[in-house]
């Protein structure tokens, strides 16, 4: 596996009005938006979706590290084609730009 070139964590989201995710104590990593319909108009629950998107993005570095640290144990305990192992490998590959 390759090493990602993303901004190192931890990232944080403090429930700000604009959905801004920052590297803890530093600059902006992402600005999130809510959901839109097929016409590009904001859906009624747009703010809830924006906050949920920001929380998920802010947790991403921690989740990636958790998956990577669990992978050796999973490889030792599960068959190479076990669905949970394949899902963890796929998530890591996607996060690292391998797919």
PDB file of N, CA and C in Angstrom:
ATOM      1  N   UNK A   1       0.818  -1.177   0.000  1.00  0.00           N
ATOM      2  CA  UNK A   1       0.000   0.000   0.000  1.00  0.00           C
ATOM      3  C   UNK A   1       0.867   1.247   0.000  1.00  0.00           C
ATOM      4  N   UNK A   2       0.374   2.262  -0.664  1.00  0.00           N
ATOM      5  CA  UNK A   2       1.094   3.522  -0.699  1.00  0.00           C
ATOM      6  C   UNK A   2       0.686   4.386   0.487  1.00  0.00           C
ATOM      7  N   UNK A   3       1.467   5.394   0.749  1.00  0.00           N
ATOM      8  CA  UNK A   3       1.114   6.339   1.790  1.00  0.00           C
ATOM      9  C   UNK A   3       0.382   7.506   1.146  1.00  0.00           C
ATOM     10  N   UNK A   4      -0.686   7.915   1.765  1.00  0.00           N
ATOM     11  CA  UNK A   4      -1.470   9.011   1.208  1.00  0.00           C
ATOM     12  C   UNK A   4      -0.735  10.329   1.368  1.00  0.00           C
ATOM     13  N   UNK A   5      -1.151  11.267   0.601  1.00  0.00           N
ATOM     14  CA  UNK A   5      -0.557  12.592   0.672  1.00  0.00           C
ATOM     15  C   UNK A   5      -1.566  13.596   1.201  1.00  0.00           C
ATOM     16  N   UNK A   6      -2.555  13.104   1.950  1.00  0.00           N
ATOM     17  CA  UNK A   6      -3.553  14.017   2.498  1.00  0.00           C
ATOM     18  C   UNK A   6      -2.956  14.826   3.656  1.00  0.00           C
ATOM     19  N   UNK A   7      -3.637  15.877   3.993  1.00  0.00           N
ATOM     20  CA  UNK A   7      -3.234  16.687   5.136  1.00  0.00           C
ATOM     21  C   UNK A   7      -3.309  15.827   6.385  1.00  0.00           C
ATOM     22  N   UNK A   8      -2.238  15.777   7.159  1.00  0.00           N
ATOM     23  CA  UNK A   8      -2.265  14.932   8.359  1.00  0.00           C
ATOM     24  C   UNK A   8      -3.356  15.363   9.335  1.00  0.00           C
ATOM     25  N   UNK A   9      -3.891  14.402  10.047  1.00  0.00           N
ATOM     26  CA  UNK A   9      -4.874  14.682  11.083  1.00  0.00           C
ATOM     27  C   UNK A   9      -4.168  15.097  12.358  1.00  0.00           C
ATOM     28  N   UNK A  10      -4.873  15.374  13.409  1.00  0.00           N
ATOM     29  CA  UNK A  10      -6.328  15.253  13.460  1.00  0.00           C
ATOM     30  C   UNK A  10      -7.021  16.442  12.802  1.00  0.00           C
ATOM     31  N   UNK A  11      -8.200  16.149  12.275  1.00  0.00           N
ATOM     32  CA  UNK A  11      -9.059  17.180  11.710  1.00  0.00           C
ATOM     33  C   UNK A  11     -10.187  17.408  12.693  1.00  0.00           C
ATOM     34  N   UNK A  12     -10.770  18.588  12.638  1.00  0.00           N
ATOM     35  CA  UNK A  12     -11.867  18.874  13.558  1.00  0.00           C
ATOM     36  C   UNK A  12     -12.987  19.645  12.877  1.00  0.00           C
ATOM     37  N   UNK A  13     -14.150  19.410  13.385  1.00  0.00           N
ATOM     38  CA  UNK A  13     -15.334  20.163  12.965  1.00  0.00           C
ATOM     39  C   UNK A  13     -16.044  20.586  14.235  1.00  0.00           C
ATOM     40  N   UNK A  14     -16.254  21.861  14.373  1.00  0.00           N
ATOM     41  CA  UNK A  14     -16.838  22.387  15.610  1.00  0.00           C
ATOM     42  C   UNK A  14     -18.265  22.879  15.418  1.00  0.00           C
ATOM     43  N   UNK A  15     -18.964  22.342  14.449  1.00  0.00           N
ATOM     44  CA  UNK A  15     -20.359  22.711  14.263  1.00  0.00           C
ATOM     45  C   UNK A  15     -20.564  24.117  13.740  1.00  0.00           C
ATOM     46  N   UNK A  16     -19.567  24.644  13.026  1.00  0.00           N
ATOM     47  CA  UNK A  16     -19.695  25.993  12.497  1.00  0.00           C
ATOM     48  C   UNK A  16     -20.784  26.058  11.421  1.00  0.00           C
ATOM     49  N   UNK A  17     -21.231  27.227  11.127  1.00  0.00           N
ATOM     50  CA  UNK A  17     -22.350  27.422  10.206  1.00  0.00           C
ATOM     51  C   UNK A  17     -22.006  27.081   8.753  1.00  0.00           C
ATOM     52  N   UNK A  18     -20.744  27.072   8.389  1.00  0.00           N
ATOM     53  CA  UNK A  18     -20.359  26.879   6.991  1.00  0.00           C
ATOM     54  C   UNK A  18     -19.864  25.480   6.665  1.00  0.00           C
ATOM     55  N   UNK A  19     -19.843  24.559   7.602  1.00  0.00           N
ATOM     56  CA  UNK A  19     -19.368  23.208   7.326  1.00  0.00           C
ATOM     57  C   UNK A  19     -17.877  23.151   7.061  1.00  0.00           C
ATOM     58  N   UNK A  20     -17.093  23.948   7.776  1.00  0.00           N
ATOM     59  CA  UNK A  20     -15.650  24.005   7.559  1.00  0.00           C
ATOM     60  C   UNK A  20     -14.945  22.981   8.449  1.00  0.00           C
ATOM     61  N   UNK A  21     -14.153  22.117   7.815  1.00  0.00           N
ATOM     62  CA  UNK A  21     -13.336  21.136   8.523  1.00  0.00           C
ATOM     63  C   UNK A  21     -11.905  21.649   8.485  1.00  0.00           C
ATOM     64  N   UNK A  22     -11.252  21.702   9.663  1.00  0.00           N
ATOM     65  CA  UNK A  22      -9.893  22.232   9.745  1.00  0.00           C
ATOM     66  C   UNK A  22      -8.950  21.179  10.303  1.00  0.00           C
ATOM     67  N   UNK A  23      -7.683  21.325   9.945  1.00  0.00           N
ATOM     68  CA  UNK A  23      -6.655  20.576  10.651  1.00  0.00           C
ATOM     69  C   UNK A  23      -6.553  21.220  12.018  1.00  0.00           C
ATOM     70  N   UNK A  24      -6.528  20.417  13.046  1.00  0.00           N
ATOM     71  CA  UNK A  24      -6.587  20.935  14.407  1.00  0.00           C
ATOM     72  C   UNK A  24      -5.562  22.048  14.601  1.00  0.00           C
ATOM     73  N   UNK A  25      -6.069  23.242  14.895  1.00  0.00           N
ATOM     74  CA  UNK A  25      -5.217  24.386  15.167  1.00  0.00           C
ATOM     75  C   UNK A  25      -4.603  25.022  13.927  1.00  0.00           C
ATOM     76  N   UNK A  26      -5.003  24.570  12.734  1.00  0.00           N
ATOM     77  CA  UNK A  26      -4.391  25.108  11.513  1.00  0.00           C
ATOM     78  C   UNK A  26      -5.461  25.439  10.476  1.00  0.00           C
ATOM     79  N   UNK A  27      -5.095  25.311   9.210  1.00  0.00           N
ATOM     80  CA  UNK A  27      -5.946  25.764   8.124  1.00  0.00           C
ATOM     81  C   UNK A  27      -7.077  24.831   7.747  1.00  0.00           C
ATOM     82  N   UNK A  28      -7.838  25.272   6.775  1.00  0.00           N
ATOM     83  CA  UNK A  28      -9.023  24.559   6.289  1.00  0.00           C
ATOM     84  C   UNK A  28      -8.614  23.343   5.472  1.00  0.00           C
ATOM     85  N   UNK A  29      -9.267  22.226   5.740  1.00  0.00           N
ATOM     86  CA  UNK A  29      -9.082  20.993   4.976  1.00  0.00           C
ATOM     87  C   UNK A  29     -10.218  20.838   3.975  1.00  0.00           C
ATOM     88  N   UNK A  30     -11.441  21.145   4.394  1.00  0.00           N
ATOM     89  CA  UNK A  30     -12.603  20.970   3.524  1.00  0.00           C
ATOM     90  C   UNK A  30     -13.723  21.902   3.942  1.00  0.00           C
ATOM     91  N   UNK A  31     -14.548  22.247   2.978  1.00  0.00           N
ATOM     92  CA  UNK A  31     -15.792  22.961   3.236  1.00  0.00           C
ATOM     93  C   UNK A  31     -16.897  22.077   2.693  1.00  0.00           C
ATOM     94  N   UNK A  32     -17.836  21.734   3.538  1.00  0.00           N
ATOM     95  CA  UNK A  32     -18.887  20.811   3.129  1.00  0.00           C
ATOM     96  C   UNK A  32     -20.165  21.550   2.774  1.00  0.00           C
ATOM     97  N   UNK A  33     -20.983  20.849   2.030  1.00  0.00           N
ATOM     98  CA  UNK A  33     -22.292  21.352   1.643  1.00  0.00           C
ATOM     99  C   UNK A  33     -23.309  20.270   1.935  1.00  0.00           C
ATOM    100  N   UNK A  34     -24.536  20.643   1.937  1.00  0.00           N
ATOM    101  CA  UNK A  34     -25.605  19.671   2.149  1.00  0.00           C
ATOM    102  C   UNK A  34     -25.982  18.975   0.867  1.00  0.00           C
ATOM    103  N   UNK A  35     -27.166  18.466   0.859  1.00  0.00           N
ATOM    104  CA  UNK A  35     -27.657  17.675  -0.259  1.00  0.00           C
ATOM    105  C   UNK A  35     -28.505  18.546  -1.181  1.00  0.00           C
ATOM    106  N   UNK A  36     -28.471  18.227  -2.470  1.00  0.00           N
ATOM    107  CA  UNK A  36     -29.296  18.932  -3.446  1.00  0.00           C
ATOM    108  C   UNK A  36     -30.137  17.932  -4.215  1.00  0.00           C
ATOM    109  N   UNK A  37     -31.213  18.419  -4.785  1.00  0.00           N
ATOM    110  CA  UNK A  37     -32.066  17.548  -5.585  1.00  0.00           C
ATOM    111  C   UNK A  37     -31.554  17.492  -7.017  1.00  0.00           C
ATOM    112  N   UNK A  38     -32.288  16.803  -7.873  1.00  0.00           N
ATOM    113  CA  UNK A  38     -31.849  16.611  -9.266  1.00  0.00           C
ATOM    114  C   UNK A  38     -31.745  17.917 -10.048  1.00  0.00           C
ATOM    115  N   UNK A  39     -32.366  18.998  -9.554  1.00  0.00           N
ATOM    116  CA  UNK A  39     -32.287  20.304 -10.208  1.00  0.00           C
ATOM    117  C   UNK A  39     -31.176  21.184  -9.635  1.00  0.00           C
ATOM    118  N   UNK A  40     -30.470  20.666  -8.637  1.00  0.00           N
ATOM    119  CA  UNK A  40     -29.413  21.438  -8.010  1.00  0.00           C
ATOM    120  C   UNK A  40     -29.900  22.352  -6.906  1.00  0.00           C
ATOM    121  N   UNK A  41     -31.164  22.231  -6.532  1.00  0.00           N
ATOM    122  CA  UNK A  41     -31.719  23.040  -5.453  1.00  0.00           C
ATOM    123  C   UNK A  41     -31.469  22.357  -4.116  1.00  0.00           C
ATOM    124  N   UNK A  42     -31.217  23.170  -3.097  1.00  0.00           N
ATOM    125  CA  UNK A  42     -30.983  22.610  -1.770  1.00  0.00           C
ATOM    126  C   UNK A  42     -32.224  21.890  -1.260  1.00  0.00           C
ATOM    127  N   UNK A  43     -31.992  20.727  -0.639  1.00  0.00           N
ATOM    128  CA  UNK A  43     -33.091  19.994  -0.026  1.00  0.00           C
ATOM    129  C   UNK A  43     -33.442  20.640   1.316  1.00  0.00           C
ATOM    130  N   UNK A  44     -34.656  20.400   1.820  1.00  0.00           N
ATOM    131  CA  UNK A  44     -35.084  21.045   3.068  1.00  0.00           C
ATOM    132  C   UNK A  44     -34.175  20.762   4.266  1.00  0.00           C
ATOM    133  N   UNK A  45     -33.579  19.570   4.336  1.00  0.00           N
ATOM    134  CA  UNK A  45     -32.716  19.224   5.477  1.00  0.00           C
ATOM    135  C   UNK A  45     -31.243  19.469   5.159  1.00  0.00           C
ATOM    136  N   UNK A  46     -30.980  20.469   4.345  1.00  0.00           N
ATOM    137  CA  UNK A  46     -29.639  20.760   3.866  1.00  0.00           C
ATOM    138  C   UNK A  46     -28.637  20.980   5.000  1.00  0.00           C
ATOM    139  N   UNK A  47     -29.003  21.720   6.029  1.00  0.00           N
ATOM    140  CA  UNK A  47     -28.078  21.982   7.135  1.00  0.00           C
ATOM    141  C   UNK A  47     -27.688  20.698   7.857  1.00  0.00           C
ATOM    142  N   UNK A  48     -28.649  19.812   8.077  1.00  0.00           N
ATOM    143  CA  UNK A  48     -28.355  18.544   8.758  1.00  0.00           C
ATOM    144  C   UNK A  48     -27.370  17.721   7.940  1.00  0.00           C
ATOM    145  N   UNK A  49     -27.558  17.680   6.622  1.00  0.00           N
ATOM    146  CA  UNK A  49     -26.649  16.928   5.750  1.00  0.00           C
ATOM    147  C   UNK A  49     -25.263  17.567   5.746  1.00  0.00           C
ATOM    148  N   UNK A  50     -25.192  18.889   5.725  1.00  0.00           N
ATOM    149  CA  UNK A  50     -23.906  19.582   5.728  1.00  0.00           C
ATOM    150  C   UNK A  50     -23.121  19.252   7.001  1.00  0.00           C
ATOM    151  N   UNK A  51     -23.785  19.301   8.152  1.00  0.00           N
ATOM    152  CA  UNK A  51     -23.115  18.996   9.412  1.00  0.00           C
ATOM    153  C   UNK A  51     -22.681  17.529   9.464  1.00  0.00           C
ATOM    154  N   UNK A  52     -23.527  16.627   8.983  1.00  0.00           N
ATOM    155  CA  UNK A  52     -23.174  15.202   8.959  1.00  0.00           C
ATOM    156  C   UNK A  52     -21.981  14.964   8.040  1.00  0.00           C
ATOM    157  N   UNK A  53     -21.953  15.610   6.888  1.00  0.00           N
ATOM    158  CA  UNK A  53     -20.826  15.475   5.961  1.00  0.00           C
ATOM    159  C   UNK A  53     -19.536  15.973   6.608  1.00  0.00           C
ATOM    160  N   UNK A  54     -19.616  17.103   7.294  1.00  0.00           N
ATOM    161  CA  UNK A  54     -18.424  17.676   7.941  1.00  0.00           C
ATOM    162  C   UNK A  54     -17.913  16.763   9.050  1.00  0.00           C
ATOM    163  N   UNK A  55     -18.816  16.191   9.848  1.00  0.00           N
ATOM    164  CA  UNK A  55     -18.378  15.277  10.911  1.00  0.00           C
ATOM    165  C   UNK A  55     -17.701  14.043  10.338  1.00  0.00           C
ATOM    166  N   UNK A  56     -18.263  13.503   9.259  1.00  0.00           N
ATOM    167  CA  UNK A  56     -17.678  12.325   8.626  1.00  0.00           C
ATOM    168  C   UNK A  56     -16.298  12.630   8.062  1.00  0.00           C
ATOM    169  N   UNK A  57     -16.159  13.748   7.391  1.00  0.00           N
ATOM    170  CA  UNK A  57     -14.856  14.126   6.836  1.00  0.00           C
ATOM    171  C   UNK A  57     -13.842  14.358   7.955  1.00  0.00           C
ATOM    172  N   UNK A  58     -14.254  15.028   9.025  1.00  0.00           N
ATOM    173  CA  UNK A  58     -13.329  15.292  10.130  1.00  0.00           C
ATOM    174  C   UNK A  58     -12.831  14.003  10.777  1.00  0.00           C
ATOM    175  N   UNK A  59     -13.646  12.966  10.774  1.00  0.00           N
ATOM    176  CA  UNK A  59     -13.259  11.684  11.378  1.00  0.00           C
ATOM    177  C   UNK A  59     -12.425  10.815  10.440  1.00  0.00           C
ATOM    178  N   UNK A  60     -12.319  11.179   9.178  1.00  0.00           N
ATOM    179  CA  UNK A  60     -11.659  10.331   8.181  1.00  0.00           C
ATOM    180  C   UNK A  60     -10.225   9.926   8.512  1.00  0.00           C
ATOM    181  N   UNK A  61      -9.339  10.835   8.922  1.00  0.00           N
ATOM    182  CA  UNK A  61      -7.973  10.388   9.227  1.00  0.00           C
ATOM    183  C   UNK A  61      -7.934   9.344  10.345  1.00  0.00           C
ATOM    184  N   UNK A  62      -8.757   9.536  11.368  1.00  0.00           N
ATOM    185  CA  UNK A  62      -8.804   8.595  12.476  1.00  0.00           C
ATOM    186  C   UNK A  62      -9.349   7.235  12.013  1.00  0.00           C
ATOM    187  N   UNK A  63     -10.390   7.264  11.179  1.00  0.00           N
ATOM    188  CA  UNK A  63     -10.951   6.009  10.669  1.00  0.00           C
ATOM    189  C   UNK A  63      -9.953   5.273   9.781  1.00  0.00           C
ATOM    190  N   UNK A  64      -9.231   6.002   8.943  1.00  0.00           N
ATOM    191  CA  UNK A  64      -8.238   5.372   8.081  1.00  0.00           C
ATOM    192  C   UNK A  64      -7.152   4.699   8.913  1.00  0.00           C
ATOM    193  N   UNK A  65      -6.655   5.393   9.917  1.00  0.00           N
ATOM    194  CA  UNK A  65      -5.625   4.804  10.773  1.00  0.00           C
ATOM    195  C   UNK A  65      -6.148   3.581  11.524  1.00  0.00           C
ATOM    196  N   UNK A  66      -7.405   3.625  11.961  1.00  0.00           N
ATOM    197  CA  UNK A  66      -7.994   2.470  12.643  1.00  0.00           C
ATOM    198  C   UNK A  66      -8.081   1.269  11.705  1.00  0.00           C
ATOM    199  N   UNK A  67      -8.501   1.500  10.475  1.00  0.00           N
ATOM    200  CA  UNK A  67      -8.575   0.408   9.504  1.00  0.00           C
ATOM    201  C   UNK A  67      -7.195  -0.163   9.209  1.00  0.00           C
ATOM    202  N   UNK A  68      -6.223   0.728   9.015  1.00  0.00           N
ATOM    203  CA  UNK A  68      -4.867   0.261   8.701  1.00  0.00           C
ATOM    204  C   UNK A  68      -4.250  -0.512   9.850  1.00  0.00           C
ATOM    205  N   UNK A  69      -4.519  -0.099  11.078  1.00  0.00           N
ATOM    206  CA  UNK A  69      -3.934  -0.813  12.219  1.00  0.00           C
ATOM    207  C   UNK A  69      -4.629  -2.148  12.466  1.00  0.00           C
ATOM    208  N   UNK A  70      -5.871  -2.291  12.035  1.00  0.00           N
ATOM    209  CA  UNK A  70      -6.627  -3.535  12.193  1.00  0.00           C
ATOM    210  C   UNK A  70      -6.316  -4.544  11.090  1.00  0.00           C
ATOM    211  N   UNK A  71      -5.863  -4.059   9.957  1.00  0.00           N
ATOM    212  CA  UNK A  71      -5.666  -4.914   8.782  1.00  0.00           C
ATOM    213  C   UNK A  71      -4.757  -6.113   9.035  1.00  0.00           C
ATOM    214  N   UNK A  72      -3.598  -5.986   9.661  1.00  0.00           N
ATOM    215  CA  UNK A  72      -2.757  -7.169   9.880  1.00  0.00           C
ATOM    216  C   UNK A  72      -3.457  -8.269  10.688  1.00  0.00           C
ATOM    217  N   UNK A  73      -4.193  -7.866  11.715  1.00  0.00           N
ATOM    218  CA  UNK A  73      -4.915  -8.858  12.511  1.00  0.00           C
ATOM    219  C   UNK A  73      -5.989  -9.540  11.680  1.00  0.00           C
ATOM    220  N   UNK A  74      -6.714  -8.775  10.892  1.00  0.00           N
ATOM    221  CA  UNK A  74      -7.757  -9.365  10.041  1.00  0.00           C
ATOM    222  C   UNK A  74      -7.164 -10.332   9.031  1.00  0.00           C
ATOM    223  N   UNK A  75      -6.040  -9.958   8.461  1.00  0.00           N
ATOM    224  CA  UNK A  75      -5.382 -10.850   7.492  1.00  0.00           C
ATOM    225  C   UNK A  75      -4.925 -12.151   8.147  1.00  0.00           C
ATOM    226  N   UNK A  76      -4.582 -12.080   9.428  1.00  0.00           N
ATOM    227  CA  UNK A  76      -4.152 -13.277  10.137  1.00  0.00           C
ATOM    228  C   UNK A  76      -5.299 -14.159  10.590  1.00  0.00           C
ATOM    229  N   UNK A  77      -6.474 -13.569  10.754  1.00  0.00           N
ATOM    230  CA  UNK A  77      -7.607 -14.309  11.296  1.00  0.00           C
ATOM    231  C   UNK A  77      -8.650 -14.716  10.266  1.00  0.00           C
ATOM    232  N   UNK A  78      -8.716 -14.010   9.155  1.00  0.00           N
ATOM    233  CA  UNK A  78      -9.776 -14.266   8.172  1.00  0.00           C
ATOM    234  C   UNK A  78      -9.191 -14.794   6.866  1.00  0.00           C
ATOM    235  N   UNK A  79     -10.025 -15.512   6.129  1.00  0.00           N
ATOM    236  CA  UNK A  79      -9.592 -15.978   4.813  1.00  0.00           C
ATOM    237  C   UNK A  79      -9.430 -14.778   3.885  1.00  0.00           C
ATOM    238  N   UNK A  80      -8.603 -14.925   2.865  1.00  0.00           N
ATOM    239  CA  UNK A  80      -8.287 -13.807   1.966  1.00  0.00           C
ATOM    240  C   UNK A  80      -9.508 -13.275   1.222  1.00  0.00           C
ATOM    241  N   UNK A  81     -10.582 -14.066   1.151  1.00  0.00           N
ATOM    242  CA  UNK A  81     -11.781 -13.626   0.445  1.00  0.00           C
ATOM    243  C   UNK A  81     -12.955 -13.350   1.387  1.00  0.00           C
ATOM    244  N   UNK A  82     -12.661 -13.210   2.667  1.00  0.00           N
ATOM    245  CA  UNK A  82     -13.713 -12.920   3.647  1.00  0.00           C
ATOM    246  C   UNK A  82     -14.275 -11.520   3.381  1.00  0.00           C
ATOM    247  N   UNK A  83     -15.602 -11.370   3.358  1.00  0.00           N
ATOM    248  CA  UNK A  83     -16.210 -10.073   3.028  1.00  0.00           C
ATOM    249  C   UNK A  83     -15.741  -8.904   3.894  1.00  0.00           C
ATOM    250  N   UNK A  84     -15.546  -9.129   5.188  1.00  0.00           N
ATOM    251  CA  UNK A  84     -15.104  -8.027   6.051  1.00  0.00           C
ATOM    252  C   UNK A  84     -13.678  -7.591   5.718  1.00  0.00           C
ATOM    253  N   UNK A  85     -12.815  -8.541   5.436  1.00  0.00           N
ATOM    254  CA  UNK A  85     -11.446  -8.210   5.055  1.00  0.00           C
ATOM    255  C   UNK A  85     -11.438  -7.461   3.728  1.00  0.00           C
ATOM    256  N   UNK A  86     -12.212  -7.940   2.775  1.00  0.00           N
ATOM    257  CA  UNK A  86     -12.284  -7.274   1.472  1.00  0.00           C
ATOM    258  C   UNK A  86     -12.824  -5.852   1.595  1.00  0.00           C
ATOM    259  N   UNK A  87     -13.783  -5.659   2.492  1.00  0.00           N
ATOM    260  CA  UNK A  87     -14.351  -4.330   2.695  1.00  0.00           C
ATOM    261  C   UNK A  87     -13.313  -3.380   3.300  1.00  0.00           C
ATOM    262  N   UNK A  88     -12.557  -3.843   4.281  1.00  0.00           N
ATOM    263  CA  UNK A  88     -11.515  -3.013   4.892  1.00  0.00           C
ATOM    264  C   UNK A  88     -10.433  -2.681   3.867  1.00  0.00           C
ATOM    265  N   UNK A  89      -9.999  -3.667   3.093  1.00  0.00           N
ATOM    266  CA  UNK A  89      -8.985  -3.421   2.063  1.00  0.00           C
ATOM    267  C   UNK A  89      -9.490  -2.429   1.016  1.00  0.00           C
ATOM    268  N   UNK A  90     -10.752  -2.553   0.625  1.00  0.00           N
ATOM    269  CA  UNK A  90     -11.328  -1.645  -0.368  1.00  0.00           C
ATOM    270  C   UNK A  90     -11.415  -0.222   0.168  1.00  0.00           C
ATOM    271  N   UNK A  91     -11.792  -0.074   1.432  1.00  0.00           N
ATOM    272  CA  UNK A  91     -11.894   1.259   2.028  1.00  0.00           C
ATOM    273  C   UNK A  91     -10.522   1.929   2.095  1.00  0.00           C
ATOM    274  N   UNK A  92      -9.522   1.176   2.494  1.00  0.00           N
ATOM    275  CA  UNK A  92      -8.160   1.721   2.562  1.00  0.00           C
ATOM    276  C   UNK A  92      -7.676   2.104   1.166  1.00  0.00           C
ATOM    277  N   UNK A  93      -7.899   1.225   0.204  1.00  0.00           N
ATOM    278  CA  UNK A  93      -7.479   1.515  -1.168  1.00  0.00           C
ATOM    279  C   UNK A  93      -8.143   2.763  -1.704  1.00  0.00           C
ATOM    280  N   UNK A  94      -9.430   2.931  -1.435  1.00  0.00           N
ATOM    281  CA  UNK A  94     -10.134   4.130  -1.905  1.00  0.00           C
ATOM    282  C   UNK A  94      -9.572   5.378  -1.239  1.00  0.00           C
ATOM    283  N   UNK A  95      -9.340   5.314   0.058  1.00  0.00           N
ATOM    284  CA  UNK A  95      -8.804   6.473   0.779  1.00  0.00           C
ATOM    285  C   UNK A  95      -7.407   6.847   0.299  1.00  0.00           C
ATOM    286  N   UNK A  96      -6.650   5.847  -0.142  1.00  0.00           N
ATOM    287  CA  UNK A  96      -5.280   6.104  -0.585  1.00  0.00           C
ATOM    288  C   UNK A  96      -5.176   6.315  -2.091  1.00  0.00           C
ATOM    289  N   UNK A  97      -6.308   6.403  -2.759  1.00  0.00           N
ATOM    290  CA  UNK A  97      -6.324   6.729  -4.190  1.00  0.00           C
ATOM    291  C   UNK A  97      -5.916   5.588  -5.084  1.00  0.00           C
ATOM    292  N   UNK A  98      -6.065   4.361  -4.629  1.00  0.00           N
ATOM    293  CA  UNK A  98      -5.663   3.201  -5.420  1.00  0.00           C
ATOM    294  C   UNK A  98      -6.791   2.648  -6.284  1.00  0.00           C
ATOM    295  N   UNK A  99      -7.959   3.237  -6.209  1.00  0.00           N
ATOM    296  CA  UNK A  99      -9.084   2.797  -7.044  1.00  0.00           C
ATOM    297  C   UNK A  99      -9.687   3.965  -7.765  1.00  0.00           C
TER     298      UNK A  99
END
